[in-house]
Amino acid sequence: MCNWNIYLWKCNCWTLAIKEPCHFRRQQKTANCNQIQQVKKEWVHIQDKPCVNHRANASLYVNGPTAKWEDIESTAYQSAKSLAERGEFPDFVE
């Protein structure tokens, strides 16, 4: 199971970064992961500034002054699953 951090910017864009790769991914860095992907509310990191030119997931913009977990949970999970299936495990880049 791969665990993912979610970074939520003041502009309500968000981005994912790998928190902990699963056992299969740790053994072979080039492996795609078809295991369970996990995002949790505890792993949402609020950033104290807007993202740079909406380079985060602007298409996944969450409306409102402050996004709620319920607003991003399923989309973040689907994004994590899609990234893992393609073998993409981005680190956080500010």
PDB file of N, CA and C in Angstrom:
ATOM      1  N   MET A   1       0.835  -1.166   0.000  1.00  0.00           N
ATOM      2  CA  MET A   1       0.000   0.000   0.000  1.00  0.00           C
ATOM      3  C   MET A   1       0.889   1.242   0.000  1.00  0.00           C
ATOM      4  N   CYS A   2       0.678   2.139  -0.967  1.00  0.00           N
ATOM      5  CA  CYS A   2       1.416   3.400  -1.029  1.00  0.00           C
ATOM      6  C   CYS A   2       0.624   4.478  -0.301  1.00  0.00           C
ATOM      7  N   ASN A   3       1.322   5.288   0.468  1.00  0.00           N
ATOM      8  CA  ASN A   3       0.690   6.379   1.203  1.00  0.00           C
ATOM      9  C   ASN A   3       1.089   7.702   0.564  1.00  0.00           C
ATOM     10  N   TRP A   4       0.130   8.632   0.471  1.00  0.00           N
ATOM     11  CA  TRP A   4       0.330   9.898  -0.232  1.00  0.00           C
ATOM     12  C   TRP A   4       0.042  11.083   0.662  1.00  0.00           C
ATOM     13  N   ASN A   5       0.907  12.103   0.594  1.00  0.00           N
ATOM     14  CA  ASN A   5       0.652  13.397   1.219  1.00  0.00           C
ATOM     15  C   ASN A   5      -0.133  14.256   0.246  1.00  0.00           C
ATOM     16  N   ILE A   6      -0.979  15.111   0.772  1.00  0.00           N
ATOM     17  CA  ILE A   6      -1.720  16.073  -0.035  1.00  0.00           C
ATOM     18  C   ILE A   6      -1.309  17.461   0.441  1.00  0.00           C
ATOM     19  N   TYR A   7      -0.891  18.298  -0.490  1.00  0.00           N
ATOM     20  CA  TYR A   7      -0.507  19.668  -0.160  1.00  0.00           C
ATOM     21  C   TYR A   7      -1.575  20.597  -0.710  1.00  0.00           C
ATOM     22  N   LEU A   8      -2.224  21.324   0.190  1.00  0.00           N
ATOM     23  CA  LEU A   8      -3.313  22.226  -0.169  1.00  0.00           C
ATOM     24  C   LEU A   8      -2.816  23.659  -0.060  1.00  0.00           C
ATOM     25  N   TRP A   9      -2.874  24.366  -1.183  1.00  0.00           N
ATOM     26  CA  TRP A   9      -2.377  25.744  -1.260  1.00  0.00           C
ATOM     27  C   TRP A   9      -3.484  26.724  -0.915  1.00  0.00           C
ATOM     28  N   LYS A  10      -3.122  27.951  -0.611  1.00  0.00           N
ATOM     29  CA  LYS A  10      -4.099  28.985  -0.262  1.00  0.00           C
ATOM     30  C   LYS A  10      -5.056  29.285  -1.409  1.00  0.00           C
ATOM     31  N   CYS A  11      -4.648  29.042  -2.628  1.00  0.00           N
ATOM     32  CA  CYS A  11      -5.512  29.281  -3.788  1.00  0.00           C
ATOM     33  C   CYS A  11      -6.483  28.112  -3.991  1.00  0.00           C
ATOM     34  N   ASN A  12      -6.424  27.125  -3.092  1.00  0.00           N
ATOM     35  CA  ASN A  12      -7.242  25.911  -3.125  1.00  0.00           C
ATOM     36  C   ASN A  12      -6.878  24.944  -4.232  1.00  0.00           C
ATOM     37  N   CYS A  13      -5.730  25.131  -4.865  1.00  0.00           N
ATOM     38  CA  CYS A  13      -5.162  24.081  -5.710  1.00  0.00           C
ATOM     39  C   CYS A  13      -4.523  23.080  -4.756  1.00  0.00           C
ATOM     40  N   TRP A  14      -4.309  21.877  -5.214  1.00  0.00           N
ATOM     41  CA  TRP A  14      -3.622  20.892  -4.374  1.00  0.00           C
ATOM     42  C   TRP A  14      -2.759  19.998  -5.245  1.00  0.00           C
ATOM     43  N   THR A  15      -1.828  19.356  -4.602  1.00  0.00           N
ATOM     44  CA  THR A  15      -0.935  18.442  -5.301  1.00  0.00           C
ATOM     45  C   THR A  15      -0.630  17.246  -4.404  1.00  0.00           C
ATOM     46  N   LEU A  16      -0.244  16.155  -5.005  1.00  0.00           N
ATOM     47  CA  LEU A  16       0.105  14.935  -4.275  1.00  0.00           C
ATOM     48  C   LEU A  16       1.615  14.717  -4.303  1.00  0.00           C
ATOM     49  N   ALA A  17       2.112  14.096  -3.260  1.00  0.00           N
ATOM     50  CA  ALA A  17       3.512  13.660  -3.220  1.00  0.00           C
ATOM     51  C   ALA A  17       3.554  12.360  -2.429  1.00  0.00           C
ATOM     52  N   ILE A  18       4.428  11.475  -2.837  1.00  0.00           N
ATOM     53  CA  ILE A  18       4.517  10.179  -2.164  1.00  0.00           C
ATOM     54  C   ILE A  18       4.996  10.373  -0.725  1.00  0.00           C
ATOM     55  N   LYS A  19       4.311   9.746   0.200  1.00  0.00           N
ATOM     56  CA  LYS A  19       4.698   9.766   1.610  1.00  0.00           C
ATOM     57  C   LYS A  19       5.541   8.537   1.912  1.00  0.00           C
ATOM     58  N   GLU A  20       4.988   7.370   1.607  1.00  0.00           N
ATOM     59  CA  GLU A  20       5.693   6.095   1.784  1.00  0.00           C
ATOM     60  C   GLU A  20       5.290   5.152   0.658  1.00  0.00           C
ATOM     61  N   PRO A  21       6.239   4.692  -0.126  1.00  0.00           N
ATOM     62  CA  PRO A  21       5.914   3.722  -1.171  1.00  0.00           C
ATOM     63  C   PRO A  21       5.646   2.340  -0.565  1.00  0.00           C
ATOM     64  N   CYS A  22       4.927   1.534  -1.284  1.00  0.00           N
ATOM     65  CA  CYS A  22       4.625   0.185  -0.809  1.00  0.00           C
ATOM     66  C   CYS A  22       5.862  -0.714  -0.900  1.00  0.00           C
ATOM     67  N   HIS A  23       5.743  -1.902  -0.391  1.00  0.00           N
ATOM     68  CA  HIS A  23       6.837  -2.873  -0.375  1.00  0.00           C
ATOM     69  C   HIS A  23       7.362  -3.168  -1.789  1.00  0.00           C
ATOM     70  N   PHE A  24       6.457  -3.329  -2.748  1.00  0.00           N
ATOM     71  CA  PHE A  24       6.856  -3.630  -4.123  1.00  0.00           C
ATOM     72  C   PHE A  24       7.644  -2.476  -4.737  1.00  0.00           C
ATOM     73  N   ARG A  25       7.178  -1.288  -4.485  1.00  0.00           N
ATOM     74  CA  ARG A  25       7.827  -0.090  -5.045  1.00  0.00           C
ATOM     75  C   ARG A  25       9.205   0.130  -4.411  1.00  0.00           C
ATOM     76  N   ARG A  26       9.357  -0.155  -3.135  1.00  0.00           N
ATOM     77  CA  ARG A  26      10.651   0.028  -2.468  1.00  0.00           C
ATOM     78  C   ARG A  26      11.698  -0.914  -3.040  1.00  0.00           C
ATOM     79  N   GLN A  27      11.284  -2.127  -3.426  1.00  0.00           N
ATOM     80  CA  GLN A  27      12.235  -3.098  -3.961  1.00  0.00           C
ATOM     81  C   GLN A  27      12.653  -2.786  -5.385  1.00  0.00           C
ATOM     82  N   GLN A  28      11.752  -2.217  -6.150  1.00  0.00           N
ATOM     83  CA  GLN A  28      12.045  -1.919  -7.551  1.00  0.00           C
ATOM     84  C   GLN A  28      11.530  -0.520  -7.863  1.00  0.00           C
ATOM     85  N   LYS A  29      12.413   0.450  -7.880  1.00  0.00           N
ATOM     86  CA  LYS A  29      12.045   1.857  -8.048  1.00  0.00           C
ATOM     87  C   LYS A  29      11.309   2.154  -9.349  1.00  0.00           C
ATOM     88  N   THR A  30      11.481   1.330 -10.351  1.00  0.00           N
ATOM     89  CA  THR A  30      10.826   1.585 -11.630  1.00  0.00           C
ATOM     90  C   THR A  30       9.468   0.892 -11.743  1.00  0.00           C
ATOM     91  N   ALA A  31       9.055   0.207 -10.711  1.00  0.00           N
ATOM     92  CA  ALA A  31       7.810  -0.567 -10.776  1.00  0.00           C
ATOM     93  C   ALA A  31       6.575   0.318 -10.707  1.00  0.00           C
ATOM     94  N   ASN A  32       5.571  -0.050 -11.504  1.00  0.00           N
ATOM     95  CA  ASN A  32       4.254   0.543 -11.348  1.00  0.00           C
ATOM     96  C   ASN A  32       3.630  -0.109 -10.128  1.00  0.00           C
ATOM     97  N   CYS A  33       2.659   0.526  -9.546  1.00  0.00           N
ATOM     98  CA  CYS A  33       2.040  -0.039  -8.351  1.00  0.00           C
ATOM     99  C   CYS A  33       0.555  -0.223  -8.573  1.00  0.00           C
ATOM    100  N   ASN A  34       0.102  -1.451  -8.516  1.00  0.00           N
ATOM    101  CA  ASN A  34      -1.316  -1.763  -8.645  1.00  0.00           C
ATOM    102  C   ASN A  34      -1.912  -2.129  -7.296  1.00  0.00           C
ATOM    103  N   GLN A  35      -1.187  -1.816  -6.231  1.00  0.00           N
ATOM    104  CA  GLN A  35      -1.664  -2.090  -4.877  1.00  0.00           C
ATOM    105  C   GLN A  35      -2.608  -0.964  -4.442  1.00  0.00           C
ATOM    106  N   ILE A  36      -3.061  -1.028  -3.232  1.00  0.00           N
ATOM    107  CA  ILE A  36      -3.952  -0.018  -2.679  1.00  0.00           C
ATOM    108  C   ILE A  36      -3.197   1.294  -2.492  1.00  0.00           C
ATOM    109  N   GLN A  37      -3.829   2.395  -2.854  1.00  0.00           N
ATOM    110  CA  GLN A  37      -3.277   3.733  -2.636  1.00  0.00           C
ATOM    111  C   GLN A  37      -4.058   4.356  -1.478  1.00  0.00           C
ATOM    112  N   GLN A  38      -3.368   5.037  -0.604  1.00  0.00           N
ATOM    113  CA  GLN A  38      -4.032   5.557   0.585  1.00  0.00           C
ATOM    114  C   GLN A  38      -3.765   7.051   0.747  1.00  0.00           C
ATOM    115  N   VAL A  39      -4.850   7.808   0.933  1.00  0.00           N
ATOM    116  CA  VAL A  39      -4.784   9.223   1.295  1.00  0.00           C
ATOM    117  C   VAL A  39      -5.600   9.376   2.573  1.00  0.00           C
ATOM    118  N   LYS A  40      -5.103  10.182   3.481  1.00  0.00           N
ATOM    119  CA  LYS A  40      -5.802  10.387   4.752  1.00  0.00           C
ATOM    120  C   LYS A  40      -5.858  11.867   5.083  1.00  0.00           C
ATOM    121  N   LYS A  41      -6.887  12.211   5.810  1.00  0.00           N
ATOM    122  CA  LYS A  41      -7.054  13.592   6.240  1.00  0.00           C
ATOM    123  C   LYS A  41      -5.842  14.071   7.036  1.00  0.00           C
ATOM    124  N   GLU A  42      -5.240  13.196   7.823  1.00  0.00           N
ATOM    125  CA  GLU A  42      -4.079  13.559   8.640  1.00  0.00           C
ATOM    126  C   GLU A  42      -2.864  13.908   7.779  1.00  0.00           C
ATOM    127  N   TRP A  43      -2.886  13.507   6.523  1.00  0.00           N
ATOM    128  CA  TRP A  43      -1.747  13.743   5.636  1.00  0.00           C
ATOM    129  C   TRP A  43      -1.957  14.944   4.719  1.00  0.00           C
ATOM    130  N   VAL A  44      -2.945  15.783   5.036  1.00  0.00           N
ATOM    131  CA  VAL A  44      -3.152  17.022   4.295  1.00  0.00           C
ATOM    132  C   VAL A  44      -2.280  18.095   4.952  1.00  0.00           C
ATOM    133  N   HIS A  45      -1.436  18.711   4.153  1.00  0.00           N
ATOM    134  CA  HIS A  45      -0.537  19.748   4.649  1.00  0.00           C
ATOM    135  C   HIS A  45      -0.949  21.083   4.035  1.00  0.00           C
ATOM    136  N   ILE A  46      -1.428  21.980   4.880  1.00  0.00           N
ATOM    137  CA  ILE A  46      -1.871  23.295   4.421  1.00  0.00           C
ATOM    138  C   ILE A  46      -0.643  24.169   4.179  1.00  0.00           C
ATOM    139  N   GLN A  47      -0.548  24.713   2.972  1.00  0.00           N
ATOM    140  CA  GLN A  47       0.550  25.614   2.626  1.00  0.00           C
ATOM    141  C   GLN A  47       0.091  27.049   2.873  1.00  0.00           C
ATOM    142  N   ASP A  48       0.968  27.880   3.344  1.00  0.00           N
ATOM    143  CA  ASP A  48       0.609  29.231   3.757  1.00  0.00           C
ATOM    144  C   ASP A  48       0.748  30.258   2.637  1.00  0.00           C
ATOM    145  N   LYS A  49       0.646  29.799   1.390  1.00  0.00           N
ATOM    146  CA  LYS A  49       0.759  30.703   0.250  1.00  0.00           C
ATOM    147  C   LYS A  49       0.076  30.070  -0.953  1.00  0.00           C
ATOM    148  N   PRO A  50      -0.233  30.864  -1.971  1.00  0.00           N
ATOM    149  CA  PRO A  50      -0.792  30.292  -3.200  1.00  0.00           C
ATOM    150  C   PRO A  50       0.282  29.526  -3.962  1.00  0.00           C
ATOM    151  N   CYS A  51      -0.135  28.610  -4.795  1.00  0.00           N
ATOM    152  CA  CYS A  51       0.831  27.900  -5.630  1.00  0.00           C
ATOM    153  C   CYS A  51       1.344  28.842  -6.716  1.00  0.00           C
ATOM    154  N   VAL A  52       2.407  28.467  -7.371  1.00  0.00           N
ATOM    155  CA  VAL A  52       3.017  29.306  -8.399  1.00  0.00           C
ATOM    156  C   VAL A  52       2.265  29.122  -9.717  1.00  0.00           C
ATOM    157  N   ASN A  53       1.595  30.158 -10.167  1.00  0.00           N
ATOM    158  CA  ASN A  53       0.882  30.151 -11.453  1.00  0.00           C
ATOM    159  C   ASN A  53      -0.034  28.945 -11.637  1.00  0.00           C
ATOM    160  N   HIS A  54      -0.638  28.518 -10.566  1.00  0.00           N
ATOM    161  CA  HIS A  54      -1.540  27.362 -10.603  1.00  0.00           C
ATOM    162  C   HIS A  54      -0.888  26.146 -11.237  1.00  0.00           C
ATOM    163  N   ARG A  55       0.382  25.899 -10.940  1.00  0.00           N
ATOM    164  CA  ARG A  55       1.073  24.731 -11.484  1.00  0.00           C
ATOM    165  C   ARG A  55       0.679  23.469 -10.741  1.00  0.00           C
ATOM    166  N   ALA A  56       0.011  23.627  -9.591  1.00  0.00           N
ATOM    167  CA  ALA A  56      -0.524  22.464  -8.894  1.00  0.00           C
ATOM    168  C   ALA A  56      -1.743  21.993  -9.681  1.00  0.00           C
ATOM    169  N   ASN A  57      -2.584  21.210  -9.092  1.00  0.00           N
ATOM    170  CA  ASN A  57      -3.743  20.679  -9.806  1.00  0.00           C
ATOM    171  C   ASN A  57      -4.848  21.723  -9.917  1.00  0.00           C
ATOM    172  N   ALA A  58      -4.604  22.740 -10.757  1.00  0.00           N
ATOM    173  CA  ALA A  58      -5.593  23.800 -10.925  1.00  0.00           C
ATOM    174  C   ALA A  58      -6.892  23.237 -11.494  1.00  0.00           C
ATOM    175  N   SER A  59      -6.794  22.196 -12.288  1.00  0.00           N
ATOM    176  CA  SER A  59      -8.012  21.591 -12.832  1.00  0.00           C
ATOM    177  C   SER A  59      -8.794  20.890 -11.730  1.00  0.00           C
ATOM    178  N   LEU A  60      -8.125  20.633 -10.620  1.00  0.00           N
ATOM    179  CA  LEU A  60      -8.788  19.993  -9.488  1.00  0.00           C
ATOM    180  C   LEU A  60      -9.025  21.008  -8.386  1.00  0.00           C
ATOM    181  N   TYR A  61      -9.172  22.273  -8.788  1.00  0.00           N
ATOM    182  CA  TYR A  61      -9.420  23.370  -7.870  1.00  0.00           C
ATOM    183  C   TYR A  61     -10.670  23.078  -7.039  1.00  0.00           C
ATOM    184  N   VAL A  62     -10.586  23.376  -5.772  1.00  0.00           N
ATOM    185  CA  VAL A  62     -11.714  23.164  -4.870  1.00  0.00           C
ATOM    186  C   VAL A  62     -12.301  24.526  -4.544  1.00  0.00           C
ATOM    187  N   ASN A  63     -13.588  24.706  -4.770  1.00  0.00           N
ATOM    188  CA  ASN A  63     -14.220  25.999  -4.519  1.00  0.00           C
ATOM    189  C   ASN A  63     -14.323  26.288  -3.029  1.00  0.00           C
ATOM    190  N   GLY A  64     -14.292  27.570  -2.722  1.00  0.00           N
ATOM    191  CA  GLY A  64     -14.480  27.986  -1.341  1.00  0.00           C
ATOM    192  C   GLY A  64     -13.216  28.565  -0.756  1.00  0.00           C
ATOM    193  N   PRO A  65     -13.371  29.271   0.358  1.00  0.00           N
ATOM    194  CA  PRO A  65     -12.208  29.898   0.975  1.00  0.00           C
ATOM    195  C   PRO A  65     -11.231  28.885   1.567  1.00  0.00           C
ATOM    196  N   THR A  66     -11.740  27.800   2.075  1.00  0.00           N
ATOM    197  CA  THR A  66     -10.892  26.742   2.612  1.00  0.00           C
ATOM    198  C   THR A  66     -11.492  25.405   2.218  1.00  0.00           C
ATOM    199  N   ALA A  67     -10.727  24.623   1.502  1.00  0.00           N
ATOM    200  CA  ALA A  67     -11.219  23.324   1.059  1.00  0.00           C
ATOM    201  C   ALA A  67     -11.396  22.397   2.254  1.00  0.00           C
ATOM    202  N   LYS A  68     -12.398  21.571   2.183  1.00  0.00           N
ATOM    203  CA  LYS A  68     -12.652  20.576   3.221  1.00  0.00           C
ATOM    204  C   LYS A  68     -12.215  19.214   2.700  1.00  0.00           C
ATOM    205  N   TRP A  69     -11.883  18.347   3.620  1.00  0.00           N
ATOM    206  CA  TRP A  69     -11.435  17.003   3.272  1.00  0.00           C
ATOM    207  C   TRP A  69     -12.447  16.304   2.380  1.00  0.00           C
ATOM    208  N   GLU A  70     -13.715  16.460   2.688  1.00  0.00           N
ATOM    209  CA  GLU A  70     -14.767  15.805   1.907  1.00  0.00           C
ATOM    210  C   GLU A  70     -14.748  16.262   0.449  1.00  0.00           C
ATOM    211  N   ASP A  71     -14.253  17.478   0.213  1.00  0.00           N
ATOM    212  CA  ASP A  71     -14.211  18.024  -1.147  1.00  0.00           C
ATOM    213  C   ASP A  71     -13.112  17.402  -2.003  1.00  0.00           C
ATOM    214  N   ILE A  72     -12.048  16.931  -1.373  1.00  0.00           N
ATOM    215  CA  ILE A  72     -10.907  16.446  -2.160  1.00  0.00           C
ATOM    216  C   ILE A  72     -10.605  14.959  -1.991  1.00  0.00           C
ATOM    217  N   GLU A  73     -11.214  14.298  -1.038  1.00  0.00           N
ATOM    218  CA  GLU A  73     -10.844  12.915  -0.716  1.00  0.00           C
ATOM    219  C   GLU A  73     -10.912  11.974  -1.915  1.00  0.00           C
ATOM    220  N   SER A  74     -12.056  11.887  -2.573  1.00  0.00           N
ATOM    221  CA  SER A  74     -12.177  10.898  -3.655  1.00  0.00           C
ATOM    222  C   SER A  74     -11.326  11.274  -4.864  1.00  0.00           C
ATOM    223  N   THR A  75     -11.220  12.568  -5.169  1.00  0.00           N
ATOM    224  CA  THR A  75     -10.398  12.990  -6.296  1.00  0.00           C
ATOM    225  C   THR A  75      -8.922  12.737  -6.017  1.00  0.00           C
ATOM    226  N   ALA A  76      -8.493  12.987  -4.787  1.00  0.00           N
ATOM    227  CA  ALA A  76      -7.095  12.727  -4.422  1.00  0.00           C
ATOM    228  C   ALA A  76      -6.788  11.242  -4.513  1.00  0.00           C
ATOM    229  N   TYR A  77      -7.725  10.406  -4.058  1.00  0.00           N
ATOM    230  CA  TYR A  77      -7.527   8.957  -4.137  1.00  0.00           C
ATOM    231  C   TYR A  77      -7.390   8.516  -5.599  1.00  0.00           C
ATOM    232  N   GLN A  78      -8.295   8.994  -6.457  1.00  0.00           N
ATOM    233  CA  GLN A  78      -8.246   8.613  -7.871  1.00  0.00           C
ATOM    234  C   GLN A  78      -6.961   9.102  -8.534  1.00  0.00           C
ATOM    235  N   SER A  79      -6.514  10.297  -8.167  1.00  0.00           N
ATOM    236  CA  SER A  79      -5.254  10.814  -8.711  1.00  0.00           C
ATOM    237  C   SER A  79      -4.073   9.972  -8.255  1.00  0.00           C
ATOM    238  N   ALA A  80      -4.048   9.596  -6.982  1.00  0.00           N
ATOM    239  CA  ALA A  80      -2.972   8.749  -6.458  1.00  0.00           C
ATOM    240  C   ALA A  80      -2.956   7.403  -7.168  1.00  0.00           C
ATOM    241  N   LYS A  81      -4.125   6.843  -7.365  1.00  0.00           N
ATOM    242  CA  LYS A  81      -4.238   5.547  -8.047  1.00  0.00           C
ATOM    243  C   LYS A  81      -3.726   5.646  -9.486  1.00  0.00           C
ATOM    244  N   SER A  82      -4.100   6.705 -10.160  1.00  0.00           N
ATOM    245  CA  SER A  82      -3.669   6.910 -11.540  1.00  0.00           C
ATOM    246  C   SER A  82      -2.157   7.107 -11.636  1.00  0.00           C
ATOM    247  N   LEU A  83      -1.601   7.922 -10.742  1.00  0.00           N
ATOM    248  CA  LEU A  83      -0.152   8.126 -10.728  1.00  0.00           C
ATOM    249  C   LEU A  83       0.584   6.812 -10.490  1.00  0.00           C
ATOM    250  N   ALA A  84       0.135   6.034  -9.530  1.00  0.00           N
ATOM    251  CA  ALA A  84       0.804   4.771  -9.186  1.00  0.00           C
ATOM    252  C   ALA A  84       0.732   3.769 -10.333  1.00  0.00           C
ATOM    253  N   GLU A  85      -0.398   3.713 -11.011  1.00  0.00           N
ATOM    254  CA  GLU A  85      -0.539   2.792 -12.142  1.00  0.00           C
ATOM    255  C   GLU A  85       0.414   3.146 -13.269  1.00  0.00           C
ATOM    256  N   ARG A  86       0.729   4.435 -13.408  1.00  0.00           N
ATOM    257  CA  ARG A  86       1.666   4.875 -14.442  1.00  0.00           C
ATOM    258  C   ARG A  86       3.110   4.822 -13.961  1.00  0.00           C
ATOM    259  N   GLY A  87       3.311   4.498 -12.687  1.00  0.00           N
ATOM    260  CA  GLY A  87       4.662   4.444 -12.143  1.00  0.00           C
ATOM    261  C   GLY A  87       5.231   5.805 -11.811  1.00  0.00           C
ATOM    262  N   GLU A  88       4.355   6.790 -11.604  1.00  0.00           N
ATOM    263  CA  GLU A  88       4.786   8.142 -11.266  1.00  0.00           C
ATOM    264  C   GLU A  88       4.590   8.362  -9.767  1.00  0.00           C
ATOM    265  N   PHE A  89       5.669   8.667  -9.082  1.00  0.00           N
ATOM    266  CA  PHE A  89       5.636   8.870  -7.633  1.00  0.00           C
ATOM    267  C   PHE A  89       6.345  10.182  -7.305  1.00  0.00           C
ATOM    268  N   PRO A  90       5.689  11.312  -7.555  1.00  0.00           N
ATOM    269  CA  PRO A  90       6.355  12.604  -7.366  1.00  0.00           C
ATOM    270  C   PRO A  90       6.652  12.900  -5.906  1.00  0.00           C
ATOM    271  N   ASP A  91       7.782  13.566  -5.696  1.00  0.00           N
ATOM    272  CA  ASP A  91       8.112  14.110  -4.387  1.00  0.00           C
ATOM    273  C   ASP A  91       7.546  15.520  -4.328  1.00  0.00           C
ATOM    274  N   PHE A  92       7.409  16.047  -3.145  1.00  0.00           N
ATOM    275  CA  PHE A  92       6.893  17.397  -2.985  1.00  0.00           C
ATOM    276  C   PHE A  92       7.907  18.404  -3.513  1.00  0.00           C
ATOM    277  N   VAL A  93       7.440  19.296  -4.368  1.00  0.00           N
ATOM    278  CA  VAL A  93       8.268  20.379  -4.885  1.00  0.00           C
ATOM    279  C   VAL A  93       7.511  21.669  -4.619  1.00  0.00           C
ATOM    280  N   GLU A  94       8.149  22.572  -3.902  1.00  0.00           N
ATOM    281  CA  GLU A  94       7.478  23.815  -3.549  1.00  0.00           C
ATOM    282  C   GLU A  94       7.492  24.799  -4.663  1.00  0.00           C
TER     283      GLU A  94
END
